[in-house]
N, C-alpha and C. Protein backbone atom coordinates (compact mmCIF):
# COMPACT_ATOMS: atom_id res chain seq x y z
N MET A 1 147.16 96.93 92.81
CA MET A 1 145.91 97.29 92.19
C MET A 1 146.19 98.05 90.89
N THR A 2 145.49 97.70 89.84
CA THR A 2 145.66 98.33 88.54
C THR A 2 144.97 99.68 88.51
N LYS A 3 145.66 100.66 87.96
CA LYS A 3 145.08 101.99 87.85
C LYS A 3 144.03 101.99 86.75
N LEU A 4 142.88 102.54 87.03
CA LEU A 4 141.79 102.62 86.07
C LEU A 4 142.07 103.72 85.05
N HIS A 5 142.00 103.37 83.79
CA HIS A 5 142.17 104.34 82.72
C HIS A 5 140.81 104.93 82.39
N THR A 6 140.76 106.23 82.19
CA THR A 6 139.52 106.87 81.78
C THR A 6 139.73 107.57 80.45
N SER A 7 138.64 107.76 79.75
CA SER A 7 138.66 108.45 78.47
C SER A 7 137.48 109.41 78.46
N GLU A 8 137.71 110.61 77.97
CA GLU A 8 136.66 111.61 77.96
C GLU A 8 136.24 111.93 76.54
N ILE A 9 134.94 111.99 76.34
CA ILE A 9 134.36 112.47 75.09
C ILE A 9 133.61 113.74 75.45
N LYS A 10 133.94 114.82 74.78
CA LYS A 10 133.38 116.12 75.12
C LYS A 10 132.53 116.65 73.97
N LEU A 11 131.33 117.13 74.30
CA LEU A 11 130.42 117.72 73.33
C LEU A 11 130.16 119.16 73.73
N ILE A 12 130.23 120.06 72.76
CA ILE A 12 129.93 121.46 73.00
C ILE A 12 128.83 121.85 72.03
N VAL A 13 127.73 122.37 72.56
CA VAL A 13 126.58 122.76 71.75
C VAL A 13 126.40 124.27 71.86
N GLY A 14 126.55 124.94 70.72
CA GLY A 14 126.30 126.38 70.67
C GLY A 14 124.85 126.62 70.31
N LEU A 15 124.14 127.39 71.15
CA LEU A 15 122.70 127.61 70.98
C LEU A 15 122.41 129.05 70.57
N ASP A 16 121.34 129.22 69.80
CA ASP A 16 120.89 130.58 69.47
C ASP A 16 120.03 131.11 70.62
N GLU A 17 119.44 132.27 70.44
CA GLU A 17 118.65 132.89 71.51
C GLU A 17 117.42 132.08 71.89
N ASN A 18 116.98 131.18 71.01
CA ASN A 18 115.83 130.31 71.30
C ASN A 18 116.25 128.93 71.77
N ARG A 19 117.54 128.78 72.05
CA ARG A 19 118.13 127.52 72.53
C ARG A 19 118.08 126.41 71.48
N VAL A 20 118.11 126.81 70.21
CA VAL A 20 118.18 125.88 69.09
C VAL A 20 119.66 125.72 68.72
N PRO A 21 120.13 124.49 68.55
CA PRO A 21 121.55 124.30 68.24
C PRO A 21 121.96 124.99 66.93
N GLU A 22 123.00 125.79 67.02
CA GLU A 22 123.60 126.43 65.85
C GLU A 22 124.93 125.79 65.50
N LYS A 23 125.60 125.24 66.51
CA LYS A 23 126.93 124.70 66.30
C LYS A 23 127.15 123.51 67.22
N LEU A 24 127.73 122.46 66.68
CA LEU A 24 128.09 121.27 67.46
C LEU A 24 129.58 121.01 67.26
N ASN A 25 130.29 120.82 68.34
CA ASN A 25 131.70 120.45 68.28
C ASN A 25 131.93 119.31 69.26
N TRP A 26 132.89 118.45 68.92
CA TRP A 26 133.18 117.33 69.79
C TRP A 26 134.67 117.04 69.81
N SER A 27 135.10 116.47 70.92
CA SER A 27 136.50 116.08 71.11
C SER A 27 136.54 114.70 71.74
N ALA A 28 137.50 113.91 71.33
CA ALA A 28 137.78 112.59 71.91
C ALA A 28 139.28 112.36 71.76
N GLN A 29 140.02 112.77 72.77
CA GLN A 29 141.49 112.73 72.68
C GLN A 29 142.02 111.35 72.33
N ASP A 30 141.46 110.30 72.92
CA ASP A 30 141.94 108.94 72.62
C ASP A 30 141.73 108.57 71.16
N GLY A 31 140.76 109.22 70.51
CA GLY A 31 140.49 108.95 69.10
C GLY A 31 141.14 109.96 68.17
N GLY A 32 141.89 110.88 68.72
CA GLY A 32 142.57 111.89 67.90
C GLY A 32 141.64 112.98 67.38
N ILE A 33 140.50 113.15 68.03
CA ILE A 33 139.53 114.17 67.61
C ILE A 33 139.63 115.35 68.57
N ASP A 34 139.85 116.54 68.01
CA ASP A 34 139.97 117.73 68.85
C ASP A 34 139.11 118.86 68.31
N ASN A 35 138.00 119.09 68.99
CA ASN A 35 137.10 120.20 68.67
C ASN A 35 136.64 120.19 67.21
N GLU A 36 136.24 119.01 66.73
CA GLU A 36 135.75 118.87 65.36
C GLU A 36 134.30 119.31 65.28
N GLU A 37 133.96 119.95 64.17
CA GLU A 37 132.59 120.39 63.96
C GLU A 37 131.74 119.25 63.43
N ALA A 38 130.48 119.23 63.85
CA ALA A 38 129.50 118.27 63.35
C ALA A 38 128.20 119.01 63.12
N LYS A 39 127.34 118.45 62.28
CA LYS A 39 126.04 119.05 62.01
C LYS A 39 124.91 118.32 62.73
N ALA A 40 125.18 117.07 63.17
CA ALA A 40 124.15 116.30 63.86
C ALA A 40 124.81 115.26 64.75
N MET A 41 124.06 114.82 65.76
CA MET A 41 124.55 113.76 66.64
C MET A 41 123.36 113.02 67.26
N LEU A 42 123.54 111.75 67.47
CA LEU A 42 122.57 110.91 68.16
C LEU A 42 123.34 110.18 69.25
N LEU A 43 122.92 110.31 70.48
CA LEU A 43 123.61 109.68 71.60
C LEU A 43 122.59 108.90 72.41
N SER A 44 122.86 107.63 72.63
CA SER A 44 121.99 106.80 73.46
C SER A 44 122.81 106.17 74.57
N VAL A 45 122.24 106.15 75.76
CA VAL A 45 122.87 105.47 76.89
C VAL A 45 121.82 104.56 77.54
N TRP A 46 122.29 103.48 78.15
CA TRP A 46 121.41 102.51 78.75
C TRP A 46 121.37 102.71 80.26
N ASP A 47 120.17 102.91 80.80
CA ASP A 47 119.97 102.99 82.24
C ASP A 47 119.55 101.59 82.70
N SER A 48 120.49 100.85 83.29
CA SER A 48 120.20 99.47 83.65
C SER A 48 119.26 99.36 84.85
N LYS A 49 119.19 100.38 85.68
CA LYS A 49 118.26 100.35 86.81
C LYS A 49 116.82 100.46 86.33
N LYS A 50 116.58 101.37 85.39
CA LYS A 50 115.23 101.57 84.88
C LYS A 50 114.92 100.69 83.67
N LYS A 51 115.96 100.03 83.13
CA LYS A 51 115.80 99.19 81.93
C LYS A 51 115.22 99.99 80.76
N GLU A 52 115.86 101.16 80.53
CA GLU A 52 115.42 101.98 79.41
C GLU A 52 116.60 102.76 78.85
N SER A 53 116.46 103.12 77.59
CA SER A 53 117.50 103.93 76.96
C SER A 53 117.15 105.41 77.12
N LEU A 54 118.19 106.18 77.28
CA LEU A 54 118.07 107.63 77.36
C LEU A 54 118.81 108.19 76.17
N LYS A 55 118.31 109.24 75.58
CA LYS A 55 118.95 109.70 74.35
C LYS A 55 118.96 111.20 74.22
N ILE A 56 119.92 111.64 73.44
CA ILE A 56 120.03 113.04 73.06
C ILE A 56 120.18 113.05 71.54
N ASP A 57 119.25 113.68 70.85
CA ASP A 57 119.31 113.83 69.40
C ASP A 57 119.40 115.32 69.10
N LEU A 58 120.48 115.74 68.50
CA LEU A 58 120.67 117.15 68.18
C LEU A 58 121.14 117.31 66.74
N TRP A 59 120.68 118.37 66.11
CA TRP A 59 121.20 118.75 64.82
C TRP A 59 121.13 120.27 64.71
N THR A 60 122.06 120.82 63.97
CA THR A 60 122.10 122.27 63.82
C THR A 60 121.01 122.69 62.85
N LYS A 61 120.59 123.94 63.00
CA LYS A 61 119.49 124.41 62.15
C LYS A 61 119.89 124.53 60.69
N ASP A 62 121.19 124.46 60.40
CA ASP A 62 121.61 124.51 58.99
C ASP A 62 121.97 123.12 58.44
N MET A 63 121.58 122.06 59.17
CA MET A 63 121.81 120.70 58.68
C MET A 63 120.87 120.46 57.50
N PRO A 64 121.41 120.21 56.29
CA PRO A 64 120.55 119.98 55.13
C PRO A 64 119.74 118.69 55.26
N VAL A 65 118.50 118.73 54.83
CA VAL A 65 117.61 117.57 54.93
C VAL A 65 118.18 116.38 54.15
N ASP A 66 118.75 116.61 52.97
CA ASP A 66 119.31 115.50 52.21
C ASP A 66 120.47 114.84 52.96
N GLU A 67 121.27 115.61 53.67
CA GLU A 67 122.34 115.03 54.47
C GLU A 67 121.78 114.31 55.70
N MET A 68 120.68 114.82 56.27
CA MET A 68 120.05 114.16 57.41
C MET A 68 119.55 112.77 57.02
N LYS A 69 119.02 112.64 55.82
CA LYS A 69 118.55 111.34 55.34
C LYS A 69 119.72 110.36 55.21
N ILE A 70 120.84 110.83 54.68
CA ILE A 70 122.03 109.99 54.56
C ILE A 70 122.56 109.62 55.95
N PHE A 71 122.58 110.60 56.86
CA PHE A 71 123.03 110.38 58.23
C PHE A 71 122.18 109.29 58.89
N PHE A 72 120.87 109.37 58.76
CA PHE A 72 119.99 108.36 59.34
C PHE A 72 120.24 106.99 58.73
N HIS A 73 120.40 106.94 57.41
CA HIS A 73 120.66 105.65 56.77
C HIS A 73 121.95 105.03 57.29
N GLN A 74 123.01 105.81 57.32
CA GLN A 74 124.29 105.30 57.79
C GLN A 74 124.21 104.88 59.26
N THR A 75 123.43 105.61 60.05
CA THR A 75 123.26 105.26 61.46
C THR A 75 122.52 103.93 61.60
N LEU A 76 121.49 103.73 60.80
CA LEU A 76 120.75 102.47 60.83
C LEU A 76 121.63 101.29 60.43
N VAL A 77 122.45 101.48 59.40
CA VAL A 77 123.38 100.42 58.98
C VAL A 77 124.36 100.12 60.11
N SER A 78 124.89 101.16 60.72
CA SER A 78 125.82 100.99 61.83
C SER A 78 125.17 100.29 63.02
N LEU A 79 123.93 100.65 63.33
CA LEU A 79 123.21 99.98 64.41
C LEU A 79 123.01 98.49 64.11
N SER A 80 122.77 98.16 62.86
CA SER A 80 122.64 96.75 62.47
C SER A 80 123.94 96.01 62.74
N ASP A 81 125.06 96.62 62.37
CA ASP A 81 126.37 96.00 62.60
C ASP A 81 126.63 95.84 64.10
N THR A 82 126.32 96.87 64.86
CA THR A 82 126.52 96.82 66.31
C THR A 82 125.63 95.77 66.94
N PHE A 83 124.38 95.67 66.48
CA PHE A 83 123.46 94.66 66.99
C PHE A 83 124.04 93.26 66.78
N MET A 84 124.61 93.02 65.60
CA MET A 84 125.21 91.72 65.31
C MET A 84 126.38 91.43 66.24
N LYS A 85 127.26 92.43 66.43
CA LYS A 85 128.41 92.24 67.32
C LYS A 85 127.97 91.95 68.75
N ALA A 86 126.91 92.63 69.19
CA ALA A 86 126.47 92.51 70.58
C ALA A 86 125.65 91.26 70.85
N THR A 87 124.91 90.78 69.85
CA THR A 87 123.97 89.68 70.10
C THR A 87 124.25 88.40 69.32
N HIS A 88 125.00 88.50 68.24
CA HIS A 88 125.24 87.38 67.32
C HIS A 88 123.94 86.81 66.75
N ASP A 89 122.91 87.64 66.67
CA ASP A 89 121.61 87.23 66.15
C ASP A 89 121.59 87.52 64.64
N GLU A 90 122.00 86.52 63.87
CA GLU A 90 122.12 86.70 62.42
C GLU A 90 120.78 86.93 61.74
N LYS A 91 119.75 86.26 62.20
CA LYS A 91 118.43 86.38 61.57
C LYS A 91 117.88 87.81 61.71
N MET A 92 117.92 88.36 62.93
CA MET A 92 117.41 89.71 63.13
C MET A 92 118.31 90.74 62.45
N THR A 93 119.61 90.50 62.44
CA THR A 93 120.53 91.42 61.75
C THR A 93 120.19 91.47 60.26
N ALA A 94 119.91 90.32 59.67
CA ALA A 94 119.53 90.28 58.25
C ALA A 94 118.23 91.07 58.03
N THR A 95 117.29 90.95 58.95
CA THR A 95 116.04 91.71 58.85
C THR A 95 116.31 93.21 58.94
N MET A 96 117.18 93.58 59.85
CA MET A 96 117.54 94.99 59.99
C MET A 96 118.22 95.51 58.73
N LYS A 97 119.10 94.71 58.16
CA LYS A 97 119.80 95.11 56.92
C LYS A 97 118.80 95.25 55.77
N ASP A 98 117.81 94.35 55.72
CA ASP A 98 116.76 94.46 54.70
C ASP A 98 116.04 95.80 54.83
N PHE A 99 115.73 96.19 56.07
CA PHE A 99 115.07 97.47 56.27
C PHE A 99 115.98 98.61 55.83
N CYS A 100 117.27 98.52 56.13
CA CYS A 100 118.22 99.57 55.71
C CYS A 100 118.22 99.70 54.19
N ASN A 101 118.19 98.58 53.49
CA ASN A 101 118.14 98.62 52.03
C ASN A 101 116.83 99.25 51.54
N TYR A 102 115.72 98.89 52.19
CA TYR A 102 114.41 99.47 51.86
C TYR A 102 114.42 100.98 52.09
N PHE A 103 114.95 101.40 53.23
CA PHE A 103 115.06 102.81 53.59
C PHE A 103 115.86 103.57 52.53
N GLU A 104 117.00 102.99 52.15
CA GLU A 104 117.87 103.59 51.14
C GLU A 104 117.17 103.71 49.80
N GLU A 105 116.45 102.68 49.42
CA GLU A 105 115.73 102.66 48.15
C GLU A 105 114.60 103.70 48.14
N LYS A 106 113.79 103.72 49.19
CA LYS A 106 112.65 104.64 49.25
C LYS A 106 113.09 106.10 49.28
N LEU A 107 114.22 106.39 49.89
CA LEU A 107 114.73 107.76 49.92
C LEU A 107 115.61 108.09 48.72
N GLU A 108 115.76 107.08 47.84
CA GLU A 108 116.56 107.23 46.62
C GLU A 108 117.97 107.73 46.93
N LEU A 109 118.61 107.05 47.90
CA LEU A 109 119.95 107.43 48.32
C LEU A 109 121.04 106.77 47.46
N LYS A 110 120.69 105.67 46.78
CA LYS A 110 121.66 105.00 45.92
C LYS A 110 121.95 105.86 44.72
N LYS A 111 123.21 105.90 44.34
CA LYS A 111 123.59 106.69 43.17
C LYS A 111 124.02 105.79 42.04
């Protein structure tokens, strides 16, 4: 029998007295990440029994709004790429990419 390999991703959220995130750190040993600081994170998991996604969206109170806009844009682009890899649906991926371009344009993220 083959031994099952596991990998751990660890998130540490430092909260203020009102339980608002002040600090986010993460580690992923297999990826060479050890206690790196982050300002925001979006995590989604699929519950196949309930057929719904569960999510955790966190950002520190000092996350700049202009960086949050860039973070969202990059996340949307990444989701489009992941959607293509997972479904091979070129037509919908193109539609998603069009929206990403629209989002980038409306927020004036292009330099």
